[in-house]
């Protein structure tokens, strides 16, 4: 019963996590692996960033950005997929950057 309670608690914490990695299985002796998103091939030991803004190697991929969670109310966060980063600026003036007080992720 104790293990069931721990399992339920851990499953309940998973949705609270915003930064993420996922792991991939590589067979021993493999020399190349394929990116799950872009279907490109990479040598074992290399690292790359895919089109989903994930930093990958043959054994794992992790999000390459942090997500702003606390910033002034008169600001908005906008994700730039070209540089894999959020930009936080004033709602009425995109040229004025805003401070970020808290973020989750990388």
PDB file of N, CA and C in Angstrom:
ATOM      1  N   UNK A   1       0.823  -1.191   0.000  1.00  0.00           N
ATOM      2  CA  UNK A   1       0.000   0.000   0.000  1.00  0.00           C
ATOM      3  C   UNK A   1       0.867   1.254   0.000  1.00  0.00           C
ATOM      4  N   UNK A   2       1.991   1.195   0.735  1.00  0.00           N
ATOM      5  CA  UNK A   2       2.896   2.340   0.802  1.00  0.00           C
ATOM      6  C   UNK A   2       3.438   2.679  -0.595  1.00  0.00           C
ATOM      7  N   UNK A   3       3.781   1.650  -1.393  1.00  0.00           N
ATOM      8  CA  UNK A   3       4.328   1.869  -2.730  1.00  0.00           C
ATOM      9  C   UNK A   3       3.285   2.468  -3.667  1.00  0.00           C
ATOM     10  N   UNK A   4       2.039   2.074  -3.494  1.00  0.00           N
ATOM     11  CA  UNK A   4       0.963   2.635  -4.302  1.00  0.00           C
ATOM     12  C   UNK A   4       0.817   4.126  -4.027  1.00  0.00           C
ATOM     13  N   UNK A   5       0.905   4.522  -2.766  1.00  0.00           N
ATOM     14  CA  UNK A   5       0.801   5.935  -2.406  1.00  0.00           C
ATOM     15  C   UNK A   5       1.951   6.739  -3.014  1.00  0.00           C
ATOM     16  N   UNK A   6       3.153   6.182  -2.982  1.00  0.00           N
ATOM     17  CA  UNK A   6       4.305   6.862  -3.574  1.00  0.00           C
ATOM     18  C   UNK A   6       4.129   6.983  -5.079  1.00  0.00           C
ATOM     19  N   UNK A   7       3.655   5.934  -5.740  1.00  0.00           N
ATOM     20  CA  UNK A   7       3.442   5.958  -7.188  1.00  0.00           C
ATOM     21  C   UNK A   7       2.408   7.006  -7.572  1.00  0.00           C
ATOM     22  N   UNK A   8       1.324   7.090  -6.822  1.00  0.00           N
ATOM     23  CA  UNK A   8       0.285   8.086  -7.099  1.00  0.00           C
ATOM     24  C   UNK A   8       0.849   9.498  -6.904  1.00  0.00           C
ATOM     25  N   UNK A   9       1.631   9.701  -5.862  1.00  0.00           N
ATOM     26  CA  UNK A   9       2.240  11.002  -5.619  1.00  0.00           C
ATOM     27  C   UNK A   9       3.171  11.397  -6.758  1.00  0.00           C
ATOM     28  N   UNK A  10       4.017  10.484  -7.190  1.00  0.00           N
ATOM     29  CA  UNK A  10       4.951  10.784  -8.280  1.00  0.00           C
ATOM     30  C   UNK A  10       4.217  11.066  -9.583  1.00  0.00           C
ATOM     31  N   UNK A  11       3.172  10.329  -9.874  1.00  0.00           N
ATOM     32  CA  UNK A  11       2.386  10.575 -11.088  1.00  0.00           C
ATOM     33  C   UNK A  11       1.693  11.933 -11.022  1.00  0.00           C
ATOM     34  N   UNK A  12       1.308  12.338  -9.841  1.00  0.00           N
ATOM     35  CA  UNK A  12       0.678  13.644  -9.677  1.00  0.00           C
ATOM     36  C   UNK A  12       1.645  14.798  -9.867  1.00  0.00           C
ATOM     37  N   UNK A  13       2.932  14.564  -9.621  1.00  0.00           N
ATOM     38  CA  UNK A  13       3.931  15.619  -9.788  1.00  0.00           C
ATOM     39  C   UNK A  13       4.358  15.809 -11.230  1.00  0.00           C
ATOM     40  N   UNK A  14       4.197  14.805 -12.067  1.00  0.00           N
ATOM     41  CA  UNK A  14       4.643  14.905 -13.457  1.00  0.00           C
ATOM     42  C   UNK A  14       4.054  16.091 -14.212  1.00  0.00           C
ATOM     43  N   UNK A  15       2.761  16.374 -14.123  1.00  0.00           N
ATOM     44  CA  UNK A  15       2.221  17.515 -14.863  1.00  0.00           C
ATOM     45  C   UNK A  15       2.768  18.863 -14.382  1.00  0.00           C
ATOM     46  N   UNK A  16       3.360  18.930 -13.205  1.00  0.00           N
ATOM     47  CA  UNK A  16       3.890  20.180 -12.685  1.00  0.00           C
ATOM     48  C   UNK A  16       5.248  20.524 -13.284  1.00  0.00           C
ATOM     49  N   UNK A  17       5.856  19.599 -13.954  1.00  0.00           N
ATOM     50  CA  UNK A  17       7.162  19.810 -14.554  1.00  0.00           C
ATOM     51  C   UNK A  17       7.000  20.388 -15.946  1.00  0.00           C
ATOM     52  N   UNK A  18       7.677  21.512 -16.236  1.00  0.00           N
ATOM     53  CA  UNK A  18       7.557  22.149 -17.539  1.00  0.00           C
ATOM     54  C   UNK A  18       8.782  21.933 -18.406  1.00  0.00           C
ATOM     55  N   UNK A  19       9.929  21.792 -17.816  1.00  0.00           N
ATOM     56  CA  UNK A  19      11.123  21.479 -18.576  1.00  0.00           C
ATOM     57  C   UNK A  19      11.118  19.985 -18.779  1.00  0.00           C
ATOM     58  N   UNK A  20      11.565  19.563 -19.928  1.00  0.00           N
ATOM     59  CA  UNK A  20      11.504  18.121 -20.102  1.00  0.00           C
ATOM     60  C   UNK A  20      12.628  17.592 -20.968  1.00  0.00           C
ATOM     61  N   UNK A  21      12.919  16.351 -20.726  1.00  0.00           N
ATOM     62  CA  UNK A  21      13.835  15.565 -21.534  1.00  0.00           C
ATOM     63  C   UNK A  21      13.148  14.236 -21.797  1.00  0.00           C
ATOM     64  N   UNK A  22      13.495  13.630 -22.876  1.00  0.00           N
ATOM     65  CA  UNK A  22      13.079  12.248 -23.062  1.00  0.00           C
ATOM     66  C   UNK A  22      14.289  11.455 -23.527  1.00  0.00           C
ATOM     67  N   UNK A  23      14.289  10.211 -23.155  1.00  0.00           N
ATOM     68  CA  UNK A  23      15.432   9.353 -23.403  1.00  0.00           C
ATOM     69  C   UNK A  23      15.123   8.374 -24.519  1.00  0.00           C
ATOM     70  N   UNK A  24      16.157   8.010 -25.263  1.00  0.00           N
ATOM     71  CA  UNK A  24      16.014   7.092 -26.384  1.00  0.00           C
ATOM     72  C   UNK A  24      16.969   5.914 -26.170  1.00  0.00           C
ATOM     73  N   UNK A  25      16.570   4.767 -26.643  1.00  0.00           N
ATOM     74  CA  UNK A  25      17.399   3.565 -26.518  1.00  0.00           C
ATOM     75  C   UNK A  25      18.259   3.442 -27.775  1.00  0.00           C
ATOM     76  N   UNK A  26      19.558   3.264 -27.579  1.00  0.00           N
ATOM     77  CA  UNK A  26      20.453   3.015 -28.709  1.00  0.00           C
ATOM     78  C   UNK A  26      21.057   1.626 -28.543  1.00  0.00           C
ATOM     79  N   UNK A  27      21.069   0.902 -29.597  1.00  0.00           N
ATOM     80  CA  UNK A  27      21.615  -0.455 -29.581  1.00  0.00           C
ATOM     81  C   UNK A  27      23.136  -0.396 -29.516  1.00  0.00           C
ATOM     82  N   UNK A  28      23.766  -1.289 -28.777  1.00  0.00           N
ATOM     83  CA  UNK A  28      25.235  -1.338 -28.748  1.00  0.00           C
ATOM     84  C   UNK A  28      25.792  -1.541 -30.161  1.00  0.00           C
ATOM     85  N   UNK A  29      26.858  -0.830 -30.470  1.00  0.00           N
ATOM     86  CA  UNK A  29      27.487  -0.949 -31.784  1.00  0.00           C
ATOM     87  C   UNK A  29      26.895  -0.038 -32.840  1.00  0.00           C
ATOM     88  N   UNK A  30      25.839   0.702 -32.491  1.00  0.00           N
ATOM     89  CA  UNK A  30      25.220   1.625 -33.438  1.00  0.00           C
ATOM     90  C   UNK A  30      26.175   2.774 -33.732  1.00  0.00           C
ATOM     91  N   UNK A  31      26.274   3.184 -34.993  1.00  0.00           N
ATOM     92  CA  UNK A  31      27.164   4.290 -35.362  1.00  0.00           C
ATOM     93  C   UNK A  31      26.401   5.580 -35.641  1.00  0.00           C
ATOM     94  N   UNK A  32      25.104   5.469 -35.957  1.00  0.00           N
ATOM     95  CA  UNK A  32      24.277   6.640 -36.253  1.00  0.00           C
ATOM     96  C   UNK A  32      22.890   6.460 -35.644  1.00  0.00           C
ATOM     97  N   UNK A  33      22.202   7.583 -35.441  1.00  0.00           N
ATOM     98  CA  UNK A  33      20.826   7.545 -34.948  1.00  0.00           C
ATOM     99  C   UNK A  33      20.012   8.574 -35.717  1.00  0.00           C
ATOM    100  N   UNK A  34      18.695   8.416 -35.674  1.00  0.00           N
ATOM    101  CA  UNK A  34      17.807   9.313 -36.403  1.00  0.00           C
ATOM    102  C   UNK A  34      17.054  10.210 -35.445  1.00  0.00           C
ATOM    103  N   UNK A  35      16.992  11.503 -35.776  1.00  0.00           N
ATOM    104  CA  UNK A  35      16.220  12.456 -34.983  1.00  0.00           C
ATOM    105  C   UNK A  35      14.738  12.121 -35.144  1.00  0.00           C
ATOM    106  N   UNK A  36      14.014  12.048 -34.020  1.00  0.00           N
ATOM    107  CA  UNK A  36      12.603  11.674 -34.044  1.00  0.00           C
ATOM    108  C   UNK A  36      11.737  12.701 -34.771  1.00  0.00           C
ATOM    109  N   UNK A  37      12.093  13.955 -34.686  1.00  0.00           N
ATOM    110  CA  UNK A  37      11.293  15.031 -35.261  1.00  0.00           C
ATOM    111  C   UNK A  37      11.619  15.278 -36.741  1.00  0.00           C
ATOM    112  N   UNK A  38      12.904  15.508 -37.021  1.00  0.00           N
ATOM    113  CA  UNK A  38      13.305  15.921 -38.365  1.00  0.00           C
ATOM    114  C   UNK A  38      13.685  14.760 -39.282  1.00  0.00           C
ATOM    115  N   UNK A  39      13.823  13.574 -38.706  1.00  0.00           N
ATOM    116  CA  UNK A  39      14.205  12.373 -39.456  1.00  0.00           C
ATOM    117  C   UNK A  39      15.594  12.497 -40.076  1.00  0.00           C
ATOM    118  N   UNK A  40      16.457  13.337 -39.510  1.00  0.00           N
ATOM    119  CA  UNK A  40      17.834  13.467 -39.973  1.00  0.00           C
ATOM    120  C   UNK A  40      18.708  12.471 -39.219  1.00  0.00           C
ATOM    121  N   UNK A  41      19.822  12.065 -39.843  1.00  0.00           N
ATOM    122  CA  UNK A  41      20.722  11.082 -39.251  1.00  0.00           C
ATOM    123  C   UNK A  41      21.928  11.786 -38.656  1.00  0.00           C
ATOM    124  N   UNK A  42      22.399  11.291 -37.510  1.00  0.00           N
ATOM    125  CA  UNK A  42      23.517  11.897 -36.788  1.00  0.00           C
ATOM    126  C   UNK A  42      24.435  10.812 -36.252  1.00  0.00           C
ATOM    127  N   UNK A  43      25.725  11.115 -36.230  1.00  0.00           N
ATOM    128  CA  UNK A  43      26.708  10.165 -35.701  1.00  0.00           C
ATOM    129  C   UNK A  43      26.583  10.068 -34.185  1.00  0.00           C
ATOM    130  N   UNK A  44      26.791   8.876 -33.660  1.00  0.00           N
ATOM    131  CA  UNK A  44      26.799   8.683 -32.209  1.00  0.00           C
ATOM    132  C   UNK A  44      27.901   9.569 -31.619  1.00  0.00           C
ATOM    133  N   UNK A  45      27.578  10.286 -30.549  1.00  0.00           N
ATOM    134  CA  UNK A  45      28.529  11.205 -29.921  1.00  0.00           C
ATOM    135  C   UNK A  45      28.324  12.650 -30.342  1.00  0.00           C
ATOM    136  N   UNK A  46      27.559  12.885 -31.406  1.00  0.00           N
ATOM    137  CA  UNK A  46      27.300  14.262 -31.845  1.00  0.00           C
ATOM    138  C   UNK A  46      26.071  14.823 -31.130  1.00  0.00           C
ATOM    139  N   UNK A  47      25.934  16.141 -31.153  1.00  0.00           N
ATOM    140  CA  UNK A  47      24.769  16.821 -30.593  1.00  0.00           C
ATOM    141  C   UNK A  47      24.188  17.738 -31.659  1.00  0.00           C
ATOM    142  N   UNK A  48      22.900  17.989 -31.571  1.00  0.00           N
ATOM    143  CA  UNK A  48      22.232  18.861 -32.540  1.00  0.00           C
ATOM    144  C   UNK A  48      20.989  19.461 -31.921  1.00  0.00           C
ATOM    145  N   UNK A  49      20.466  20.515 -32.547  1.00  0.00           N
ATOM    146  CA  UNK A  49      19.194  21.125 -32.161  1.00  0.00           C
ATOM    147  C   UNK A  49      18.232  20.893 -33.307  1.00  0.00           C
ATOM    148  N   UNK A  50      17.082  20.306 -33.007  1.00  0.00           N
ATOM    149  CA  UNK A  50      16.116  20.018 -34.070  1.00  0.00           C
ATOM    150  C   UNK A  50      15.106  21.156 -34.233  1.00  0.00           C
ATOM    151  N   UNK A  51      14.195  20.998 -35.168  1.00  0.00           N
ATOM    152  CA  UNK A  51      13.224  22.051 -35.486  1.00  0.00           C
ATOM    153  C   UNK A  51      12.177  22.245 -34.396  1.00  0.00           C
ATOM    154  N   UNK A  52      12.122  21.368 -33.415  1.00  0.00           N
ATOM    155  CA  UNK A  52      11.195  21.486 -32.284  1.00  0.00           C
ATOM    156  C   UNK A  52      11.880  22.156 -31.088  1.00  0.00           C
ATOM    157  N   UNK A  53      13.074  22.761 -31.322  1.00  0.00           N
ATOM    158  CA  UNK A  53      13.862  23.436 -30.281  1.00  0.00           C
ATOM    159  C   UNK A  53      14.250  22.482 -29.161  1.00  0.00           C
ATOM    160  N   UNK A  54      14.674  21.301 -29.549  1.00  0.00           N
ATOM    161  CA  UNK A  54      15.162  20.307 -28.603  1.00  0.00           C
ATOM    162  C   UNK A  54      16.650  20.104 -28.868  1.00  0.00           C
ATOM    163  N   UNK A  55      17.455  20.127 -27.799  1.00  0.00           N
ATOM    164  CA  UNK A  55      18.878  19.801 -27.897  1.00  0.00           C
ATOM    165  C   UNK A  55      19.000  18.294 -27.711  1.00  0.00           C
ATOM    166  N   UNK A  56      19.581  17.635 -28.712  1.00  0.00           N
ATOM    167  CA  UNK A  56      19.577  16.175 -28.736  1.00  0.00           C
ATOM    168  C   UNK A  56      20.975  15.581 -28.886  1.00  0.00           C
ATOM    169  N   UNK A  57      21.082  14.344 -28.466  1.00  0.00           N
ATOM    170  CA  UNK A  57      22.159  13.448 -28.856  1.00  0.00           C
ATOM    171  C   UNK A  57      21.476  12.099 -29.081  1.00  0.00           C
ATOM    172  N   UNK A  58      22.227  11.077 -29.338  1.00  0.00           N
ATOM    173  CA  UNK A  58      21.599   9.795 -29.680  1.00  0.00           C
ATOM    174  C   UNK A  58      20.883   9.127 -28.511  1.00  0.00           C
ATOM    175  N   UNK A  59      21.115   9.587 -27.284  1.00  0.00           N
ATOM    176  CA  UNK A  59      20.475   8.945 -26.144  1.00  0.00           C
ATOM    177  C   UNK A  59      19.362   9.768 -25.502  1.00  0.00           C
ATOM    178  N   UNK A  60      19.280  11.076 -25.825  1.00  0.00           N
ATOM    179  CA  UNK A  60      18.227  11.898 -25.225  1.00  0.00           C
ATOM    180  C   UNK A  60      18.024  13.193 -25.986  1.00  0.00           C
ATOM    181  N   UNK A  61      16.864  13.801 -25.771  1.00  0.00           N
ATOM    182  CA  UNK A  61      16.562  15.150 -26.253  1.00  0.00           C
ATOM    183  C   UNK A  61      15.970  15.928 -25.083  1.00  0.00           C
ATOM    184  N   UNK A  62      16.385  17.196 -24.937  1.00  0.00           N
ATOM    185  CA  UNK A  62      15.885  18.059 -23.860  1.00  0.00           C
ATOM    186  C   UNK A  62      15.478  19.403 -24.447  1.00  0.00           C
ATOM    187  N   UNK A  63      14.472  20.026 -23.840  1.00  0.00           N
ATOM    188  CA  UNK A  63      14.049  21.338 -24.314  1.00  0.00           C
ATOM    189  C   UNK A  63      15.222  22.316 -24.234  1.00  0.00           C
ATOM    190  N   UNK A  64      15.342  23.163 -25.240  1.00  0.00           N
ATOM    191  CA  UNK A  64      16.494  24.059 -25.371  1.00  0.00           C
ATOM    192  C   UNK A  64      16.189  25.469 -24.873  1.00  0.00           C
ATOM    193  N   UNK A  65      15.079  25.658 -24.187  1.00  0.00           N
ATOM    194  CA  UNK A  65      14.686  26.995 -23.775  1.00  0.00           C
ATOM    195  C   UNK A  65      13.998  26.959 -22.416  1.00  0.00           C
ATOM    196  N   UNK A  66      13.941  28.104 -21.791  1.00  0.00           N
ATOM    197  CA  UNK A  66      13.168  28.235 -20.554  1.00  0.00           C
ATOM    198  C   UNK A  66      11.907  29.037 -20.867  1.00  0.00           C
ATOM    199  N   UNK A  67      10.867  28.789 -20.095  1.00  0.00           N
ATOM    200  CA  UNK A  67       9.583  29.455 -20.299  1.00  0.00           C
ATOM    201  C   UNK A  67       9.350  30.460 -19.185  1.00  0.00           C
ATOM    202  N   UNK A  68       9.209  31.753 -19.528  1.00  0.00           N
ATOM    203  CA  UNK A  68       8.960  32.774 -18.499  1.00  0.00           C
ATOM    204  C   UNK A  68       7.639  32.512 -17.781  1.00  0.00           C
ATOM    205  N   UNK A  69       7.664  32.590 -16.456  1.00  0.00           N
ATOM    206  CA  UNK A  69       6.452  32.370 -15.666  1.00  0.00           C
ATOM    207  C   UNK A  69       6.018  33.616 -14.894  1.00  0.00           C
ATOM    208  N   UNK A  70       6.968  34.441 -14.508  1.00  0.00           N
ATOM    209  CA  UNK A  70       6.613  35.662 -13.766  1.00  0.00           C
ATOM    210  C   UNK A  70       7.296  36.861 -14.407  1.00  0.00           C
ATOM    211  N   UNK A  71       6.467  37.813 -14.793  1.00  0.00           N
ATOM    212  CA  UNK A  71       6.938  39.075 -15.357  1.00  0.00           C
ATOM    213  C   UNK A  71       5.829  40.095 -15.147  1.00  0.00           C
ATOM    214  N   UNK A  72       6.083  41.381 -15.330  1.00  0.00           N
ATOM    215  CA  UNK A  72       5.056  42.396 -15.060  1.00  0.00           C
ATOM    216  C   UNK A  72       3.764  42.148 -15.861  1.00  0.00           C
ATOM    217  N   UNK A  73       2.635  42.536 -15.267  1.00  0.00           N
ATOM    218  CA  UNK A  73       1.330  42.306 -15.879  1.00  0.00           C
ATOM    219  C   UNK A  73       1.124  43.040 -17.200  1.00  0.00           C
ATOM    220  N   UNK A  74       1.844  44.132 -17.399  1.00  0.00           N
ATOM    221  CA  UNK A  74       1.672  44.881 -18.644  1.00  0.00           C
ATOM    222  C   UNK A  74       2.598  44.374 -19.757  1.00  0.00           C
ATOM    223  N   UNK A  75       3.137  43.169 -19.563  1.00  0.00           N
ATOM    224  CA  UNK A  75       4.052  42.572 -20.540  1.00  0.00           C
ATOM    225  C   UNK A  75       3.472  41.260 -21.070  1.00  0.00           C
ATOM    226  N   UNK A  76       4.033  40.810 -22.169  1.00  0.00           N
ATOM    227  CA  UNK A  76       3.606  39.568 -22.800  1.00  0.00           C
ATOM    228  C   UNK A  76       4.846  38.793 -23.238  1.00  0.00           C
ATOM    229  N   UNK A  77       4.764  37.471 -23.190  1.00  0.00           N
ATOM    230  CA  UNK A  77       5.884  36.649 -23.662  1.00  0.00           C
ATOM    231  C   UNK A  77       5.527  36.073 -25.029  1.00  0.00           C
ATOM    232  N   UNK A  78       6.498  36.108 -25.924  1.00  0.00           N
ATOM    233  CA  UNK A  78       6.305  35.629 -27.296  1.00  0.00           C
ATOM    234  C   UNK A  78       7.455  34.684 -27.622  1.00  0.00           C
ATOM    235  N   UNK A  79       7.133  33.498 -28.115  1.00  0.00           N
ATOM    236  CA  UNK A  79       8.171  32.521 -28.447  1.00  0.00           C
ATOM    237  C   UNK A  79       8.683  32.764 -29.858  1.00  0.00           C
ATOM    238  N   UNK A  80      10.011  32.829 -29.998  1.00  0.00           N
ATOM    239  CA  UNK A  80      10.661  32.978 -31.296  1.00  0.00           C
ATOM    240  C   UNK A  80      11.273  31.625 -31.658  1.00  0.00           C
ATOM    241  N   UNK A  81      10.639  30.908 -32.570  1.00  0.00           N
ATOM    242  CA  UNK A  81      11.095  29.558 -32.915  1.00  0.00           C
ATOM    243  C   UNK A  81      12.395  29.565 -33.718  1.00  0.00           C
ATOM    244  N   UNK A  82      12.780  30.696 -34.265  1.00  0.00           N
ATOM    245  CA  UNK A  82      14.047  30.756 -35.006  1.00  0.00           C
ATOM    246  C   UNK A  82      15.252  30.718 -34.078  1.00  0.00           C
ATOM    247  N   UNK A  83      15.132  31.340 -32.901  1.00  0.00           N
ATOM    248  CA  UNK A  83      16.241  31.341 -31.941  1.00  0.00           C
ATOM    249  C   UNK A  83      15.934  30.482 -30.712  1.00  0.00           C
ATOM    250  N   UNK A  84      14.780  29.832 -30.712  1.00  0.00           N
ATOM    251  CA  UNK A  84      14.364  28.940 -29.616  1.00  0.00           C
ATOM    252  C   UNK A  84      14.408  29.655 -28.267  1.00  0.00           C
ATOM    253  N   UNK A  85      13.746  30.780 -28.195  1.00  0.00           N
ATOM    254  CA  UNK A  85      13.761  31.568 -26.967  1.00  0.00           C
ATOM    255  C   UNK A  85      12.483  32.410 -26.872  1.00  0.00           C
ATOM    256  N   UNK A  86      12.075  32.681 -25.624  1.00  0.00           N
ATOM    257  CA  UNK A  86      10.962  33.596 -25.399  1.00  0.00           C
ATOM    258  C   UNK A  86      11.494  35.018 -25.306  1.00  0.00           C
ATOM    259  N   UNK A  87      10.718  35.936 -25.797  1.00  0.00           N
ATOM    260  CA  UNK A  87      11.014  37.358 -25.665  1.00  0.00           C
ATOM    261  C   UNK A  87       9.856  37.963 -24.887  1.00  0.00           C
ATOM    262  N   UNK A  88      10.158  38.706 -23.825  1.00  0.00           N
ATOM    263  CA  UNK A  88       9.119  39.332 -23.000  1.00  0.00           C
ATOM    264  C   UNK A  88       9.211  40.837 -23.210  1.00  0.00           C
ATOM    265  N   UNK A  89       8.090  41.429 -23.656  1.00  0.00           N
ATOM    266  CA  UNK A  89       8.077  42.870 -23.941  1.00  0.00           C
ATOM    267  C   UNK A  89       6.746  43.489 -23.519  1.00  0.00           C
ATOM    268  N   UNK A  90       6.705  44.817 -23.496  1.00  0.00           N
ATOM    269  CA  UNK A  90       5.479  45.548 -23.144  1.00  0.00           C
ATOM    270  C   UNK A  90       4.390  45.205 -24.161  1.00  0.00           C
ATOM    271  N   UNK A  91       3.160  45.061 -23.673  1.00  0.00           N
ATOM    272  CA  UNK A  91       2.034  44.746 -24.564  1.00  0.00           C
ATOM    273  C   UNK A  91       1.830  45.825 -25.619  1.00  0.00           C
ATOM    274  N   UNK A  92       1.954  47.076 -25.208  1.00  0.00           N
ATOM    275  CA  UNK A  92       1.666  48.186 -26.122  1.00  0.00           C
ATOM    276  C   UNK A  92       2.901  48.714 -26.856  1.00  0.00           C
ATOM    277  N   UNK A  93       4.087  48.200 -26.532  1.00  0.00           N
ATOM    278  CA  UNK A  93       5.312  48.644 -27.200  1.00  0.00           C
ATOM    279  C   UNK A  93       6.327  47.496 -27.265  1.00  0.00           C
ATOM    280  N   UNK A  94       6.323  46.734 -28.358  1.00  0.00           N
ATOM    281  CA  UNK A  94       7.215  45.572 -28.488  1.00  0.00           C
ATOM    282  C   UNK A  94       8.711  45.910 -28.472  1.00  0.00           C
ATOM    283  N   UNK A  95       9.053  47.180 -28.546  1.00  0.00           N
ATOM    284  CA  UNK A  95      10.476  47.551 -28.524  1.00  0.00           C
ATOM    285  C   UNK A  95      11.021  47.634 -27.103  1.00  0.00           C
ATOM    286  N   UNK A  96      10.136  47.617 -26.100  1.00  0.00           N
ATOM    287  CA  UNK A  96      10.557  47.728 -24.700  1.00  0.00           C
ATOM    288  C   UNK A  96      10.551  46.340 -24.053  1.00  0.00           C
ATOM    289  N   UNK A  97      11.743  45.853 -23.689  1.00  0.00           N
ATOM    290  CA  UNK A  97      11.876  44.555 -23.035  1.00  0.00           C
ATOM    291  C   UNK A  97      11.416  44.649 -21.575  1.00  0.00           C
ATOM    292  N   UNK A  98      10.915  43.549 -21.052  1.00  0.00           N
ATOM    293  CA  UNK A  98      10.470  43.486 -19.661  1.00  0.00           C
ATOM    294  C   UNK A  98      11.358  42.533 -18.859  1.00  0.00           C
ATOM    295  N   UNK A  99      11.459  42.765 -17.547  1.00  0.00           N
ATOM    296  CA  UNK A  99      12.231  41.835 -16.711  1.00  0.00           C
ATOM    297  C   UNK A  99      11.453  40.528 -16.512  1.00  0.00           C
ATOM    298  N   UNK A 100      12.199  39.458 -16.380  1.00  0.00           N
ATOM    299  CA  UNK A 100      11.622  38.145 -16.093  1.00  0.00           C
ATOM    300  C   UNK A 100      12.031  37.786 -14.672  1.00  0.00           C
ATOM    301  N   UNK A 101      11.048  37.547 -13.801  1.00  0.00           N
ATOM    302  CA  UNK A 101      11.330  37.252 -12.403  1.00  0.00           C
ATOM    303  C   UNK A 101      11.489  35.760 -12.129  1.00  0.00           C
ATOM    304  N   UNK A 102      10.835  34.927 -12.937  1.00  0.00           N
ATOM    305  CA  UNK A 102      10.939  33.476 -12.761  1.00  0.00           C
ATOM    306  C   UNK A 102      10.661  32.790 -14.092  1.00  0.00           C
ATOM    307  N   UNK A 103      11.351  31.687 -14.292  1.00  0.00           N
ATOM    308  CA  UNK A 103      11.169  30.887 -15.510  1.00  0.00           C
ATOM    309  C   UNK A 103      11.398  29.429 -15.171  1.00  0.00           C
ATOM    310  N   UNK A 104      10.838  28.553 -15.982  1.00  0.00           N
ATOM    311  CA  UNK A 104      11.069  27.123 -15.803  1.00  0.00           C
ATOM    312  C   UNK A 104      11.699  26.579 -17.072  1.00  0.00           C
ATOM    313  N   UNK A 105      12.497  25.564 -16.899  1.00  0.00           N
ATOM    314  CA  UNK A 105      13.128  24.941 -18.052  1.00  0.00           C
ATOM    315  C   UNK A 105      14.617  24.994 -17.957  1.00  0.00           C
ATOM    316  N   UNK A 106      15.203  24.901 -19.081  1.00  0.00           N
ATOM    317  CA  UNK A 106      16.654  24.804 -19.192  1.00  0.00           C
ATOM    318  C   UNK A 106      17.333  25.736 -18.287  1.00  0.00           C
TER     319      UNK A 106
END
